[in-house]
């Protein structure tokens, strides 16, 4: 799993003012990735999976209001990072 230090470095945050918010986004991002992959995340994740979680945390942080004047689309980088690890149900 990611650490708060990794997330704050990724987002370039230097204060602890939003630590509880970041923890919530970390949990949501990890759950989102696990759901997308169709598996439970192991403690030792491959680098592409870690990068996808960081991308999702960044997206949640930057778009925290959830409303926009333009349509939001999927993140192709997120999908490409995770595709090799995705379990497809038959």
C-alpha atoms as a PDB file:
ATOM      1  CA  UNK A   1       0.000   0.000   0.000  1.00  0.00           C
ATOM      2  CA  UNK A   2       1.038   3.575  -0.497  1.00  0.00           C
ATOM      3  CA  UNK A   3       2.333   5.772   2.286  1.00  0.00           C
ATOM      4  CA  UNK A   4       1.205   9.280   3.079  1.00  0.00           C
ATOM      5  CA  UNK A   5       4.751  10.476   2.337  1.00  0.00           C
ATOM      6  CA  UNK A   6       4.603   9.018  -1.207  1.00  0.00           C
ATOM      7  CA  UNK A   7       1.231  10.624  -1.852  1.00  0.00           C
ATOM      8  CA  UNK A   8       2.332  14.020  -0.552  1.00  0.00           C
ATOM      9  CA  UNK A   9       5.470  13.895  -2.694  1.00  0.00           C
ATOM     10  CA  UNK A  10       3.368  12.996  -5.734  1.00  0.00           C
ATOM     11  CA  UNK A  11       0.983  15.887  -5.073  1.00  0.00           C
ATOM     12  CA  UNK A  12       3.789  18.249  -3.988  1.00  0.00           C
ATOM     13  CA  UNK A  13       2.129  18.936  -0.651  1.00  0.00           C
ATOM     14  CA  UNK A  14       4.411  20.060   2.172  1.00  0.00           C
ATOM     15  CA  UNK A  15       1.965  20.715   5.005  1.00  0.00           C
ATOM     16  CA  UNK A  16      -0.043  18.321   7.144  1.00  0.00           C
ATOM     17  CA  UNK A  17      -3.246  20.360   6.856  1.00  0.00           C
ATOM     18  CA  UNK A  18      -4.917  17.863   4.507  1.00  0.00           C
ATOM     19  CA  UNK A  19      -3.519  14.592   5.836  1.00  0.00           C
ATOM     20  CA  UNK A  20      -6.915  13.169   6.831  1.00  0.00           C
ATOM     21  CA  UNK A  21      -8.340  14.064   3.414  1.00  0.00           C
ATOM     22  CA  UNK A  22      -5.366  12.420   1.707  1.00  0.00           C
ATOM     23  CA  UNK A  23      -5.848   9.247   3.754  1.00  0.00           C
ATOM     24  CA  UNK A  24      -9.472   9.108   2.591  1.00  0.00           C
ATOM     25  CA  UNK A  25      -8.382   9.564  -1.031  1.00  0.00           C
ATOM     26  CA  UNK A  26      -5.717   6.887  -0.621  1.00  0.00           C
ATOM     27  CA  UNK A  27      -8.313   4.416   0.659  1.00  0.00           C
ATOM     28  CA  UNK A  28     -10.721   5.309  -2.147  1.00  0.00           C
ATOM     29  CA  UNK A  29      -8.004   5.050  -4.811  1.00  0.00           C
ATOM     30  CA  UNK A  30      -6.813   1.667  -3.554  1.00  0.00           C
ATOM     31  CA  UNK A  31     -10.399   0.378  -3.484  1.00  0.00           C
ATOM     32  CA  UNK A  32     -10.967   1.734  -6.994  1.00  0.00           C
ATOM     33  CA  UNK A  33      -7.879  -0.020  -8.339  1.00  0.00           C
ATOM     34  CA  UNK A  34      -8.757  -3.287  -6.599  1.00  0.00           C
ATOM     35  CA  UNK A  35     -12.258  -3.078  -8.076  1.00  0.00           C
ATOM     36  CA  UNK A  36     -10.903  -2.324 -11.563  1.00  0.00           C
ATOM     37  CA  UNK A  37      -8.480  -5.243 -11.347  1.00  0.00           C
ATOM     38  CA  UNK A  38     -11.007  -7.621  -9.839  1.00  0.00           C
ATOM     39  CA  UNK A  39      -8.589  -8.668  -7.088  1.00  0.00           C
ATOM     40  CA  UNK A  40      -7.515  -7.732  -3.591  1.00  0.00           C
ATOM     41  CA  UNK A  41      -4.345  -5.677  -3.660  1.00  0.00           C
ATOM     42  CA  UNK A  42      -1.264  -7.388  -2.233  1.00  0.00           C
ATOM     43  CA  UNK A  43       1.021  -5.464   0.098  1.00  0.00           C
ATOM     44  CA  UNK A  44       3.853  -5.690  -2.448  1.00  0.00           C
ATOM     45  CA  UNK A  45       2.344  -4.194  -5.598  1.00  0.00           C
ATOM     46  CA  UNK A  46       4.081  -3.882  -8.970  1.00  0.00           C
ATOM     47  CA  UNK A  47       5.241  -0.365  -9.848  1.00  0.00           C
ATOM     48  CA  UNK A  48       2.532   0.170 -12.506  1.00  0.00           C
ATOM     49  CA  UNK A  49      -0.202  -0.583  -9.974  1.00  0.00           C
ATOM     50  CA  UNK A  50       1.345   1.830  -7.467  1.00  0.00           C
ATOM     51  CA  UNK A  51       1.552   4.491 -10.184  1.00  0.00           C
ATOM     52  CA  UNK A  52      -2.116   3.974 -11.081  1.00  0.00           C
ATOM     53  CA  UNK A  53      -3.118   4.450  -7.436  1.00  0.00           C
ATOM     54  CA  UNK A  54      -1.108   7.674  -7.310  1.00  0.00           C
ATOM     55  CA  UNK A  55      -2.837   8.859 -10.491  1.00  0.00           C
ATOM     56  CA  UNK A  56      -6.232   8.122  -8.951  1.00  0.00           C
ATOM     57  CA  UNK A  57      -5.326   9.943  -5.708  1.00  0.00           C
ATOM     58  CA  UNK A  58      -4.170  12.925  -7.768  1.00  0.00           C
ATOM     59  CA  UNK A  59      -7.404  12.922  -9.739  1.00  0.00           C
ATOM     60  CA  UNK A  60      -9.497  12.766  -6.575  1.00  0.00           C
ATOM     61  CA  UNK A  61      -7.478  15.589  -5.025  1.00  0.00           C
ATOM     62  CA  UNK A  62      -7.555  17.875  -8.065  1.00  0.00           C
ATOM     63  CA  UNK A  63     -11.228  17.245  -8.857  1.00  0.00           C
ATOM     64  CA  UNK A  64     -12.572  17.081  -5.313  1.00  0.00           C
ATOM     65  CA  UNK A  65     -15.634  19.160  -6.092  1.00  0.00           C
ATOM     66  CA  UNK A  66     -16.904  16.512  -8.505  1.00  0.00           C
ATOM     67  CA  UNK A  67     -18.507  19.010 -10.845  1.00  0.00           C
ATOM     68  CA  UNK A  68     -17.139  20.454 -14.025  1.00  0.00           C
ATOM     69  CA  UNK A  69     -18.270  22.435 -17.027  1.00  0.00           C
ATOM     70  CA  UNK A  70     -16.900  19.803 -19.413  1.00  0.00           C
ATOM     71  CA  UNK A  71     -17.353  16.035 -19.593  1.00  0.00           C
ATOM     72  CA  UNK A  72     -14.892  13.879 -17.692  1.00  0.00           C
ATOM     73  CA  UNK A  73     -13.408  10.895 -19.496  1.00  0.00           C
ATOM     74  CA  UNK A  74     -11.510   7.851 -18.329  1.00  0.00           C
ATOM     75  CA  UNK A  75      -7.798   8.089 -17.751  1.00  0.00           C
ATOM     76  CA  UNK A  76      -6.065   6.037 -20.440  1.00  0.00           C
ATOM     77  CA  UNK A  77      -2.778   6.018 -18.555  1.00  0.00           C
ATOM     78  CA  UNK A  78      -4.559   4.539 -15.525  1.00  0.00           C
ATOM     79  CA  UNK A  79      -6.105   1.836 -17.712  1.00  0.00           C
ATOM     80  CA  UNK A  80      -2.866   1.043 -19.542  1.00  0.00           C
ATOM     81  CA  UNK A  81      -0.916   0.723 -16.314  1.00  0.00           C
ATOM     82  CA  UNK A  82      -3.433  -1.720 -14.887  1.00  0.00           C
ATOM     83  CA  UNK A  83      -4.481  -3.724 -17.953  1.00  0.00           C
ATOM     84  CA  UNK A  84      -1.774  -6.440 -17.625  1.00  0.00           C
ATOM     85  CA  UNK A  85      -2.873  -7.143 -14.039  1.00  0.00           C
ATOM     86  CA  UNK A  86      -6.633  -7.140 -14.625  1.00  0.00           C
ATOM     87  CA  UNK A  87      -8.568 -10.336 -13.940  1.00  0.00           C
ATOM     88  CA  UNK A  88     -11.382 -10.761 -16.410  1.00  0.00           C
ATOM     89  CA  UNK A  89     -14.401 -12.750 -15.295  1.00  0.00           C
ATOM     90  CA  UNK A  90     -15.914 -15.192 -17.744  1.00  0.00           C
END
